[in-house]
Amino acid sequence: MAPRAYWKGTLKLSLVSCPVVLYPATTAAEKTRFHMINRETGNRLKQQMVDSETGDVVESNQKGRGYELRKGKYVEIEPEELEAVQIESNHTIDIESFVPSDEIDQRYLNHPYYIAPEGKAAVDAFAVIRDAMKDEGRVALAKIVLTNREHVIAIEPLGKGLLGTTLRYPYELRDEDEFFDDIKTPKITKDMVELAGHILRTKAAHFDPAKFKDEYENALKALVKRKASGKTIELPEPEEKPSNVVSLMDALKQSLKGRGGGKARAKSHARHATGRQRAAKKMQRSAAGRRKAG
């Protein structure tokens, strides 16, 4: 069963149009989530909205939206007044232009959506627009309204359908100069750059998201399963920060020989093994103490 459509409307290319539906291309359903609970009762906690001045709990029928004109002074906006802001792209994706895909700065990419034709009558027009885009090798730019906000959306062919990715506006991006201006330009030898290039080539690969493993998510699931079964959670030993200073050239040479990573992994395994041994000895001492007390 296909998921429920997130948005329904019309895709337009000049006088050619067809009904389409949008589906979110990503999901967080498989992520491990935690709820706030009462430690004494084990019951889940509920959040309440509280008046910042009086401290009183505000009921749902008293909640409204306001824009802060100045500190502590708000103008209230009613829901029906927001609906009065009618934008032409409310139910239409009207393609305005086509641009080369490599001209789109990846910092502007926001949320991806799958775009599919709605109904059999829409398939022909949808296929014409999709295949024309494939032939031209360009990305369409259009506007769409999602959650009462107008977004620019980049549309490109993806298999039998289209991929639409909402784009951020320029005012949403921070200027990189603010963060990069203070970076010094050190004197780096050509040998160092060549060594780094060798390391890069030894790690050359192809983009394959199937190889991405969320180790933290897997560890969270294992922790929850272990705790639910009544087992003790062993805390890892804090990692020691290396105190020795290795020159950049030495680090590059060791990396190229594959020695640096091995040593780090060996130290890590040794620390974890030591931690487990300490925990085991502690449990043995605790058990021995209980037997003596008995």
C-alpha atoms as a PDB file:
ATOM      1  CA  MET A   1       0.000   0.000   0.000  1.00  0.00           C
ATOM      2  CA  ALA A   2       1.443   3.360  -1.058  1.00  0.00           C
ATOM      3  CA  PRO A   3       1.910   5.979   1.688  1.00  0.00           C
ATOM      4  CA  ARG A   4      -0.463   8.903   1.935  1.00  0.00           C
ATOM      5  CA  ALA A   5       0.393  11.796  -0.380  1.00  0.00           C
ATOM      6  CA  TYR A   6       1.969  14.796   1.319  1.00  0.00           C
ATOM      7  CA  TRP A   7       0.776  17.277  -1.352  1.00  0.00           C
ATOM      8  CA  LYS A   8      -1.522  17.169  -4.353  1.00  0.00           C
ATOM      9  CA  GLY A   9      -1.659  19.654  -7.214  1.00  0.00           C
ATOM     10  CA  THR A  10      -0.702  20.331 -10.821  1.00  0.00           C
ATOM     11  CA  LEU A  11       2.677  20.257 -12.529  1.00  0.00           C
ATOM     12  CA  LYS A  12       2.808  22.800 -15.365  1.00  0.00           C
ATOM     13  CA  LEU A  13       5.271  23.302 -18.215  1.00  0.00           C
ATOM     14  CA  SER A  14       3.921  26.209 -20.241  1.00  0.00           C
ATOM     15  CA  LEU A  15       0.521  24.948 -21.522  1.00  0.00           C
ATOM     16  CA  VAL A  16       1.248  21.291 -20.679  1.00  0.00           C
ATOM     17  CA  SER A  17      -0.045  20.276 -17.260  1.00  0.00           C
ATOM     18  CA  CYS A  18      -0.837  17.138 -15.296  1.00  0.00           C
ATOM     19  CA  PRO A  19      -2.063  16.269 -11.784  1.00  0.00           C
ATOM     20  CA  VAL A  20       0.760  15.087  -9.500  1.00  0.00           C
ATOM     21  CA  VAL A  21       1.305  13.967  -5.927  1.00  0.00           C
ATOM     22  CA  LEU A  22       4.309  14.498  -3.650  1.00  0.00           C
ATOM     23  CA  TYR A  23       5.651  11.988  -1.147  1.00  0.00           C
ATOM     24  CA  PRO A  24       8.469  12.645   1.333  1.00  0.00           C
ATOM     25  CA  ALA A  25      11.551  10.814   0.079  1.00  0.00           C
ATOM     26  CA  THR A  26      12.978  10.367   3.579  1.00  0.00           C
ATOM     27  CA  THR A  27      11.672   8.918   6.842  1.00  0.00           C
ATOM     28  CA  ALA A  28      12.775   8.833  10.461  1.00  0.00           C
ATOM     29  CA  ALA A  29      10.380   6.015  11.408  1.00  0.00           C
ATOM     30  CA  GLU A  30      13.208   3.545  12.043  1.00  0.00           C
ATOM     31  CA  LYS A  31      15.135   5.880  14.347  1.00  0.00           C
ATOM     32  CA  THR A  32      15.303   4.931  18.021  1.00  0.00           C
ATOM     33  CA  ARG A  33      13.339   7.502  19.998  1.00  0.00           C
ATOM     34  CA  PHE A  34      13.117   8.135  23.724  1.00  0.00           C
ATOM     35  CA  HIS A  35      10.224   9.654  25.664  1.00  0.00           C
ATOM     36  CA  MET A  36      10.398  11.622  28.889  1.00  0.00           C
ATOM     37  CA  ILE A  37       8.972   9.542  31.761  1.00  0.00           C
ATOM     38  CA  ASN A  38       8.275   9.871  35.467  1.00  0.00           C
ATOM     39  CA  ARG A  39      11.029   7.891  37.239  1.00  0.00           C
ATOM     40  CA  GLU A  40       8.687   7.070  40.141  1.00  0.00           C
ATOM     41  CA  THR A  41       5.648   5.822  38.201  1.00  0.00           C
ATOM     42  CA  GLY A  42       7.197   4.918  34.850  1.00  0.00           C
ATOM     43  CA  ASN A  43       4.457   6.904  33.113  1.00  0.00           C
ATOM     44  CA  ARG A  44       5.100   9.110  30.108  1.00  0.00           C
ATOM     45  CA  LEU A  45       5.215  12.862  30.704  1.00  0.00           C
ATOM     46  CA  LYS A  46       3.149  15.439  28.792  1.00  0.00           C
ATOM     47  CA  GLN A  47       4.340  18.911  27.926  1.00  0.00           C
ATOM     48  CA  GLN A  48       2.218  21.944  28.700  1.00  0.00           C
ATOM     49  CA  MET A  49       2.333  25.510  27.407  1.00  0.00           C
ATOM     50  CA  VAL A  50       2.875  27.999  30.224  1.00  0.00           C
ATOM     51  CA  ASP A  51       2.417  31.785  30.234  1.00  0.00           C
ATOM     52  CA  SER A  52       5.934  33.243  30.473  1.00  0.00           C
ATOM     53  CA  GLU A  53       4.816  35.990  32.867  1.00  0.00           C
ATOM     54  CA  THR A  54       2.069  34.497  35.049  1.00  0.00           C
ATOM     55  CA  GLY A  55       3.284  30.893  35.004  1.00  0.00           C
ATOM     56  CA  ASP A  56      -0.297  29.692  34.375  1.00  0.00           C
ATOM     57  CA  VAL A  57      -0.949  26.687  32.153  1.00  0.00           C
ATOM     58  CA  VAL A  58      -2.537  27.835  28.866  1.00  0.00           C
ATOM     59  CA  GLU A  59      -5.342  25.663  27.465  1.00  0.00           C
ATOM     60  CA  SER A  60      -5.516  24.862  23.756  1.00  0.00           C
ATOM     61  CA  ASN A  61      -8.447  27.240  23.119  1.00  0.00           C
ATOM     62  CA  GLN A  62      -6.374  30.129  24.521  1.00  0.00           C
ATOM     63  CA  LYS A  63      -3.363  29.580  22.247  1.00  0.00           C
ATOM     64  CA  GLY A  64      -2.743  31.957  19.349  1.00  0.00           C
ATOM     65  CA  ARG A  65       0.014  33.096  17.005  1.00  0.00           C
ATOM     66  CA  GLY A  66       1.816  36.371  17.389  1.00  0.00           C
ATOM     67  CA  TYR A  67       4.681  38.193  15.708  1.00  0.00           C
ATOM     68  CA  GLU A  68       7.093  40.019  18.027  1.00  0.00           C
ATOM     69  CA  LEU A  69       7.231  43.681  16.982  1.00  0.00           C
ATOM     70  CA  ARG A  70       9.597  44.548  19.801  1.00  0.00           C
ATOM     71  CA  LYS A  71      10.637  42.809  23.010  1.00  0.00           C
ATOM     72  CA  GLY A  72       7.494  41.627  24.785  1.00  0.00           C
ATOM     73  CA  LYS A  73       5.121  43.296  22.297  1.00  0.00           C
ATOM     74  CA  TYR A  74       3.259  41.017  19.880  1.00  0.00           C
ATOM     75  CA  VAL A  75       0.714  41.479  17.126  1.00  0.00           C
ATOM     76  CA  GLU A  76      -1.721  38.557  17.046  1.00  0.00           C
ATOM     77  CA  ILE A  77      -2.420  36.916  13.671  1.00  0.00           C
ATOM     78  CA  GLU A  78      -5.584  34.840  13.260  1.00  0.00           C
ATOM     79  CA  PRO A  79      -5.598  31.563  11.257  1.00  0.00           C
ATOM     80  CA  GLU A  80      -8.102  32.966   8.755  1.00  0.00           C
ATOM     81  CA  GLU A  81      -5.857  35.984   8.239  1.00  0.00           C
ATOM     82  CA  LEU A  82      -3.003  33.650   7.274  1.00  0.00           C
ATOM     83  CA  GLU A  83      -5.308  32.000   4.754  1.00  0.00           C
ATOM     84  CA  ALA A  84      -5.789  35.424   3.166  1.00  0.00           C
ATOM     85  CA  VAL A  85      -2.163  35.265   2.005  1.00  0.00           C
ATOM     86  CA  GLN A  86      -3.027  33.571  -1.290  1.00  0.00           C
ATOM     87  CA  ILE A  87      -0.064  32.544  -3.423  1.00  0.00           C
ATOM     88  CA  GLU A  88      -0.498  31.366  -6.996  1.00  0.00           C
ATOM     89  CA  SER A  89       1.629  28.276  -6.379  1.00  0.00           C
ATOM     90  CA  ASN A  90      -0.686  27.019  -3.581  1.00  0.00           C
ATOM     91  CA  HIS A  91      -1.783  24.055  -5.705  1.00  0.00           C
ATOM     92  CA  THR A  92       0.468  24.421  -8.743  1.00  0.00           C
ATOM     93  CA  ILE A  93       4.094  23.621  -9.509  1.00  0.00           C
ATOM     94  CA  ASP A  94       4.692  26.007 -12.406  1.00  0.00           C
ATOM     95  CA  ILE A  95       8.115  25.375 -13.953  1.00  0.00           C
ATOM     96  CA  GLU A  96       9.805  28.734 -14.451  1.00  0.00           C
ATOM     97  CA  SER A  97      13.227  27.775 -15.823  1.00  0.00           C
ATOM     98  CA  PHE A  98      15.743  24.978 -16.460  1.00  0.00           C
ATOM     99  CA  VAL A  99      19.311  25.178 -15.185  1.00  0.00           C
ATOM    100  CA  PRO A 100      22.402  22.922 -15.399  1.00  0.00           C
ATOM    101  CA  SER A 101      22.478  20.639 -12.358  1.00  0.00           C
ATOM    102  CA  ASP A 102      26.127  21.437 -11.590  1.00  0.00           C
ATOM    103  CA  GLU A 103      25.216  25.103 -11.080  1.00  0.00           C
ATOM    104  CA  ILE A 104      23.084  24.326  -8.015  1.00  0.00           C
ATOM    105  CA  ASP A 105      25.102  24.978  -4.857  1.00  0.00           C
ATOM    106  CA  GLN A 106      24.531  21.942  -2.619  1.00  0.00           C
ATOM    107  CA  ARG A 107      24.147  24.168   0.425  1.00  0.00           C
ATOM    108  CA  TYR A 108      20.771  25.212  -0.970  1.00  0.00           C
ATOM    109  CA  LEU A 109      19.416  21.636  -1.070  1.00  0.00           C
ATOM    110  CA  ASN A 110      16.823  21.065   1.651  1.00  0.00           C
ATOM    111  CA  HIS A 111      14.130  18.334   1.664  1.00  0.00           C
ATOM    112  CA  PRO A 112      13.671  15.702  -1.100  1.00  0.00           C
ATOM    113  CA  TYR A 113      10.267  14.541  -2.383  1.00  0.00           C
ATOM    114  CA  TYR A 114       9.124  11.946  -4.893  1.00  0.00           C
ATOM    115  CA  ILE A 115       6.787  13.376  -7.547  1.00  0.00           C
ATOM    116  CA  ALA A 116       4.422  10.934  -9.288  1.00  0.00           C
ATOM    117  CA  PRO A 117       1.467  11.370 -11.679  1.00  0.00           C
ATOM    118  CA  GLU A 118      -1.980  11.203 -10.105  1.00  0.00           C
ATOM    119  CA  GLY A 119      -4.311   8.994 -12.102  1.00  0.00           C
ATOM    120  CA  LYS A 120      -3.984   7.292 -15.493  1.00  0.00           C
ATOM    121  CA  ALA A 121      -4.971  10.427 -17.417  1.00  0.00           C
ATOM    122  CA  ALA A 122      -1.902  12.239 -16.082  1.00  0.00           C
ATOM    123  CA  VAL A 123       0.678   9.655 -17.150  1.00  0.00           C
ATOM    124  CA  ASP A 124       1.163  10.844 -20.755  1.00  0.00           C
ATOM    125  CA  ALA A 125       1.773  14.520 -19.915  1.00  0.00           C
ATOM    126  CA  PHE A 126       3.948  13.508 -16.952  1.00  0.00           C
ATOM    127  CA  ALA A 127       6.086  11.248 -19.160  1.00  0.00           C
ATOM    128  CA  VAL A 128       6.507  13.988 -21.783  1.00  0.00           C
ATOM    129  CA  ILE A 129       7.796  16.473 -19.191  1.00  0.00           C
ATOM    130  CA  ARG A 130      10.034  13.851 -17.534  1.00  0.00           C
ATOM    131  CA  ASP A 131      11.576  12.562 -20.778  1.00  0.00           C
ATOM    132  CA  ALA A 132      12.142  16.060 -22.170  1.00  0.00           C
ATOM    133  CA  MET A 133      14.099  16.869 -19.012  1.00  0.00           C
ATOM    134  CA  LYS A 134      16.156  13.689 -19.451  1.00  0.00           C
ATOM    135  CA  ASP A 135      17.038  14.642 -23.022  1.00  0.00           C
ATOM    136  CA  GLU A 136      18.068  18.175 -22.096  1.00  0.00           C
ATOM    137  CA  GLY A 137      19.999  17.133 -18.990  1.00  0.00           C
ATOM    138  CA  ARG A 138      18.749  20.094 -16.998  1.00  0.00           C
ATOM    139  CA  VAL A 139      16.998  20.651 -13.668  1.00  0.00           C
ATOM    140  CA  ALA A 140      13.678  22.469 -13.530  1.00  0.00           C
ATOM    141  CA  LEU A 141      13.128  25.286 -11.044  1.00  0.00           C
ATOM    142  CA  ALA A 142       9.596  26.003  -9.843  1.00  0.00           C
ATOM    143  CA  LYS A 143       7.715  27.270  -6.798  1.00  0.00           C
ATOM    144  CA  ILE A 144       5.496  25.287  -4.455  1.00  0.00           C
ATOM    145  CA  VAL A 145       3.631  26.031  -1.224  1.00  0.00           C
ATOM    146  CA  LEU A 146       4.190  23.499   1.568  1.00  0.00           C
ATOM    147  CA  THR A 147       2.970  24.009   5.149  1.00  0.00           C
ATOM    148  CA  ASN A 148       1.849  27.569   4.361  1.00  0.00           C
ATOM    149  CA  ARG A 149       5.285  28.558   3.083  1.00  0.00           C
ATOM    150  CA  GLU A 150       6.417  29.142  -0.481  1.00  0.00           C
ATOM    151  CA  HIS A 151       9.514  27.216  -1.521  1.00  0.00           C
ATOM    152  CA  VAL A 152      11.657  27.048  -4.620  1.00  0.00           C
ATOM    153  CA  ILE A 153      11.830  23.411  -5.738  1.00  0.00           C
ATOM    154  CA  ALA A 154      14.395  21.787  -8.037  1.00  0.00           C
ATOM    155  CA  ILE A 155      12.905  18.969 -10.137  1.00  0.00           C
ATOM    156  CA  GLU A 156      14.849  16.280 -12.000  1.00  0.00           C
ATOM    157  CA  PRO A 157      14.081  12.847 -13.495  1.00  0.00           C
ATOM    158  CA  LEU A 158      14.486   9.848 -11.201  1.00  0.00           C
ATOM    159  CA  GLY A 159      13.655   6.452 -12.669  1.00  0.00           C
ATOM    160  CA  LYS A 160      10.022   6.461 -13.810  1.00  0.00           C
ATOM    161  CA  GLY A 161       9.226   9.539 -11.734  1.00  0.00           C
ATOM    162  CA  LEU A 162      10.644  12.875 -10.686  1.00  0.00           C
ATOM    163  CA  LEU A 163      12.660  13.964  -7.698  1.00  0.00           C
ATOM    164  CA  GLY A 164      11.778  17.349  -6.256  1.00  0.00           C
ATOM    165  CA  THR A 165      14.111  18.975  -3.742  1.00  0.00           C
ATOM    166  CA  THR A 166      13.107  22.153  -1.949  1.00  0.00           C
ATOM    167  CA  LEU A 167      15.815  24.801  -1.903  1.00  0.00           C
ATOM    168  CA  ARG A 168      16.784  27.229   0.817  1.00  0.00           C
ATOM    169  CA  TYR A 169      16.560  30.958   0.188  1.00  0.00           C
ATOM    170  CA  PRO A 170      19.782  33.021   0.199  1.00  0.00           C
ATOM    171  CA  TYR A 171      18.830  34.634   3.528  1.00  0.00           C
ATOM    172  CA  GLU A 172      18.848  31.168   5.127  1.00  0.00           C
ATOM    173  CA  LEU A 173      22.518  30.574   4.324  1.00  0.00           C
ATOM    174  CA  ARG A 174      25.358  31.937   6.393  1.00  0.00           C
ATOM    175  CA  ASP A 175      28.254  33.619   4.598  1.00  0.00           C
ATOM    176  CA  GLU A 176      31.235  31.233   4.529  1.00  0.00           C
ATOM    177  CA  ASP A 177      33.669  34.160   4.859  1.00  0.00           C
ATOM    178  CA  GLU A 178      32.451  34.626   8.425  1.00  0.00           C
ATOM    179  CA  PHE A 179      33.940  31.224   9.270  1.00  0.00           C
ATOM    180  CA  PHE A 180      36.832  30.912   6.832  1.00  0.00           C
ATOM    181  CA  ASP A 181      38.422  34.371   6.884  1.00  0.00           C
ATOM    182  CA  ASP A 182      40.531  33.595   9.980  1.00  0.00           C
ATOM    183  CA  ILE A 183      41.996  30.402   8.484  1.00  0.00           C
ATOM    184  CA  LYS A 184      45.691  31.009   7.946  1.00  0.00           C
ATOM    185  CA  THR A 185      47.567  30.033   4.793  1.00  0.00           C
ATOM    186  CA  PRO A 186      50.476  27.915   6.050  1.00  0.00           C
ATOM    187  CA  LYS A 187      53.511  26.901   4.038  1.00  0.00           C
ATOM    188  CA  ILE A 188      52.907  23.311   2.949  1.00  0.00           C
ATOM    189  CA  THR A 189      55.542  21.444   0.991  1.00  0.00           C
ATOM    190  CA  LYS A 190      54.772  19.744  -2.304  1.00  0.00           C
ATOM    191  CA  ASP A 191      55.866  16.404  -0.790  1.00  0.00           C
ATOM    192  CA  MET A 192      53.149  16.649   1.874  1.00  0.00           C
ATOM    193  CA  VAL A 193      50.451  17.300  -0.709  1.00  0.00           C
ATOM    194  CA  GLU A 194      51.692  14.404  -2.852  1.00  0.00           C
ATOM    195  CA  LEU A 195      51.677  12.040   0.154  1.00  0.00           C
ATOM    196  CA  ALA A 196      48.133  13.127   1.013  1.00  0.00           C
ATOM    197  CA  GLY A 197      47.185  12.501  -2.619  1.00  0.00           C
ATOM    198  CA  HIS A 198      48.567   8.950  -2.370  1.00  0.00           C
ATOM    199  CA  ILE A 199      46.425   8.341   0.749  1.00  0.00           C
ATOM    200  CA  LEU A 200      43.337   9.646  -1.060  1.00  0.00           C
ATOM    201  CA  ARG A 201      43.951   7.317  -3.980  1.00  0.00           C
ATOM    202  CA  THR A 202      44.281   4.284  -1.692  1.00  0.00           C
ATOM    203  CA  LYS A 203      40.824   5.101  -0.310  1.00  0.00           C
ATOM    204  CA  ALA A 204      39.215   5.804  -3.694  1.00  0.00           C
ATOM    205  CA  ALA A 205      35.741   4.249  -3.998  1.00  0.00           C
ATOM    206  CA  HIS A 206      32.316   4.727  -5.558  1.00  0.00           C
ATOM    207  CA  PHE A 207      29.332   6.288  -3.793  1.00  0.00           C
ATOM    208  CA  ASP A 208      27.319   3.385  -2.374  1.00  0.00           C
ATOM    209  CA  PRO A 209      24.815   4.341   0.359  1.00  0.00           C
ATOM    210  CA  ALA A 210      24.108   0.637   0.950  1.00  0.00           C
ATOM    211  CA  LYS A 211      27.444   0.576   2.778  1.00  0.00           C
ATOM    212  CA  PHE A 212      26.406   3.324   5.197  1.00  0.00           C
ATOM    213  CA  LYS A 213      26.007   1.815   8.670  1.00  0.00           C
ATOM    214  CA  ASP A 214      24.489   3.835  11.507  1.00  0.00           C
ATOM    215  CA  GLU A 215      26.673   2.384  14.258  1.00  0.00           C
ATOM    216  CA  TYR A 216      25.197   4.666  16.914  1.00  0.00           C
ATOM    217  CA  GLU A 217      21.636   3.601  16.039  1.00  0.00           C
ATOM    218  CA  ASN A 218      22.656  -0.075  16.177  1.00  0.00           C
ATOM    219  CA  ALA A 219      24.340   0.482  19.537  1.00  0.00           C
ATOM    220  CA  LEU A 220      21.219   2.240  20.875  1.00  0.00           C
ATOM    221  CA  LYS A 221      19.012  -0.695  19.869  1.00  0.00           C
ATOM    222  CA  ALA A 222      21.435  -3.135  21.528  1.00  0.00           C
ATOM    223  CA  LEU A 223      21.521  -1.017  24.695  1.00  0.00           C
ATOM    224  CA  VAL A 224      17.714  -0.868  24.928  1.00  0.00           C
ATOM    225  CA  LYS A 225      17.424  -4.640  24.332  1.00  0.00           C
ATOM    226  CA  ARG A 226      20.066  -5.375  26.969  1.00  0.00           C
ATOM    227  CA  LYS A 227      18.496  -3.030  29.530  1.00  0.00           C
ATOM    228  CA  ALA A 228      14.984  -4.424  28.877  1.00  0.00           C
ATOM    229  CA  SER A 229      16.259  -7.959  29.545  1.00  0.00           C
ATOM    230  CA  GLY A 230      17.567  -6.869  32.944  1.00  0.00           C
ATOM    231  CA  LYS A 231      21.260  -6.962  32.105  1.00  0.00           C
ATOM    232  CA  THR A 232      23.770  -4.457  33.456  1.00  0.00           C
ATOM    233  CA  ILE A 233      25.057  -1.750  31.143  1.00  0.00           C
ATOM    234  CA  GLU A 234      28.859  -1.580  31.320  1.00  0.00           C
ATOM    235  CA  LEU A 235      30.228   1.923  30.939  1.00  0.00           C
ATOM    236  CA  PRO A 236      33.296   2.217  28.675  1.00  0.00           C
ATOM    237  CA  GLU A 237      36.571   3.547  29.965  1.00  0.00           C
ATOM    238  CA  PRO A 238      37.155   7.204  28.999  1.00  0.00           C
ATOM    239  CA  GLU A 239      39.429   7.460  25.967  1.00  0.00           C
ATOM    240  CA  GLU A 240      42.888   8.798  26.606  1.00  0.00           C
ATOM    241  CA  LYS A 241      43.947  11.740  24.527  1.00  0.00           C
ATOM    242  CA  PRO A 242      47.320  11.234  22.832  1.00  0.00           C
ATOM    243  CA  SER A 243      49.942  13.379  24.500  1.00  0.00           C
ATOM    244  CA  ASN A 244      52.739  12.879  21.988  1.00  0.00           C
ATOM    245  CA  VAL A 245      53.016  15.390  19.175  1.00  0.00           C
ATOM    246  CA  VAL A 246      53.658  13.780  15.781  1.00  0.00           C
ATOM    247  CA  SER A 247      54.873  15.907  12.891  1.00  0.00           C
ATOM    248  CA  LEU A 248      52.519  16.281   9.944  1.00  0.00           C
ATOM    249  CA  MET A 249      55.012  14.620   7.578  1.00  0.00           C
ATOM    250  CA  ASP A 250      55.441  11.618   9.933  1.00  0.00           C
ATOM    251  CA  ALA A 251      51.664  11.276  10.243  1.00  0.00           C
ATOM    252  CA  LEU A 252      51.296  11.288   6.456  1.00  0.00           C
ATOM    253  CA  LYS A 253      54.008   8.659   6.034  1.00  0.00           C
ATOM    254  CA  GLN A 254      52.518   6.409   8.735  1.00  0.00           C
ATOM    255  CA  SER A 255      49.043   6.781   7.220  1.00  0.00           C
ATOM    256  CA  LEU A 256      50.385   5.754   3.832  1.00  0.00           C
ATOM    257  CA  LYS A 257      51.927   2.621   5.367  1.00  0.00           C
ATOM    258  CA  GLY A 258      48.659   1.856   7.144  1.00  0.00           C
ATOM    259  CA  ARG A 259      50.231   1.863  10.603  1.00  0.00           C
ATOM    260  CA  GLY A 260      48.374   4.739  12.238  1.00  0.00           C
ATOM    261  CA  GLY A 261      44.872   3.270  12.017  1.00  0.00           C
ATOM    262  CA  GLY A 262      46.012  -0.152  13.209  1.00  0.00           C
ATOM    263  CA  LYS A 263      47.689   1.233  16.287  1.00  0.00           C
ATOM    264  CA  ALA A 264      44.657   3.333  17.149  1.00  0.00           C
ATOM    265  CA  ARG A 265      42.328   0.353  16.781  1.00  0.00           C
ATOM    266  CA  ALA A 266      44.645  -1.831  18.869  1.00  0.00           C
ATOM    267  CA  LYS A 267      44.734   0.770  21.639  1.00  0.00           C
ATOM    268  CA  SER A 268      40.942   1.078  21.496  1.00  0.00           C
ATOM    269  CA  HIS A 269      40.446  -2.691  21.755  1.00  0.00           C
ATOM    270  CA  ALA A 270      42.943  -2.849  24.614  1.00  0.00           C
ATOM    271  CA  ARG A 271      41.082  -0.114  26.508  1.00  0.00           C
ATOM    272  CA  HIS A 272      37.730  -1.845  26.031  1.00  0.00           C
ATOM    273  CA  ALA A 273      39.200  -5.182  27.109  1.00  0.00           C
ATOM    274  CA  THR A 274      40.706  -3.574  30.198  1.00  0.00           C
ATOM    275  CA  GLY A 275      37.348  -1.981  30.983  1.00  0.00           C
ATOM    276  CA  ARG A 276      35.565  -5.333  30.730  1.00  0.00           C
ATOM    277  CA  GLN A 277      38.172  -7.008  32.943  1.00  0.00           C
ATOM    278  CA  ARG A 278      37.795  -4.315  35.593  1.00  0.00           C
ATOM    279  CA  ALA A 279      34.001  -4.622  35.511  1.00  0.00           C
ATOM    280  CA  ALA A 280      34.226  -8.421  35.817  1.00  0.00           C
ATOM    281  CA  LYS A 281      36.623  -8.202  38.803  1.00  0.00           C
ATOM    282  CA  LYS A 282      34.330  -5.652  40.455  1.00  0.00           C
ATOM    283  CA  MET A 283      31.327  -7.957  40.072  1.00  0.00           C
ATOM    284  CA  GLN A 284      33.346 -10.901  41.477  1.00  0.00           C
ATOM    285  CA  ARG A 285      34.391  -8.852  44.507  1.00  0.00           C
ATOM    286  CA  SER A 286      30.783  -7.754  45.032  1.00  0.00           C
ATOM    287  CA  ALA A 287      29.523 -11.352  44.846  1.00  0.00           C
ATOM    288  CA  ALA A 288      32.226 -12.546  47.250  1.00  0.00           C
ATOM    289  CA  GLY A 289      31.265  -9.807  49.698  1.00  0.00           C
ATOM    290  CA  ARG A 290      27.606 -10.844  49.589  1.00  0.00           C
ATOM    291  CA  ARG A 291      28.548 -14.514  50.250  1.00  0.00           C
ATOM    292  CA  LYS A 292      30.614 -13.518  53.295  1.00  0.00           C
ATOM    293  CA  ALA A 293      27.784 -11.345  54.581  1.00  0.00           C
ATOM    294  CA  GLY A 294      25.401 -14.286  54.139  1.00  0.00           C
END
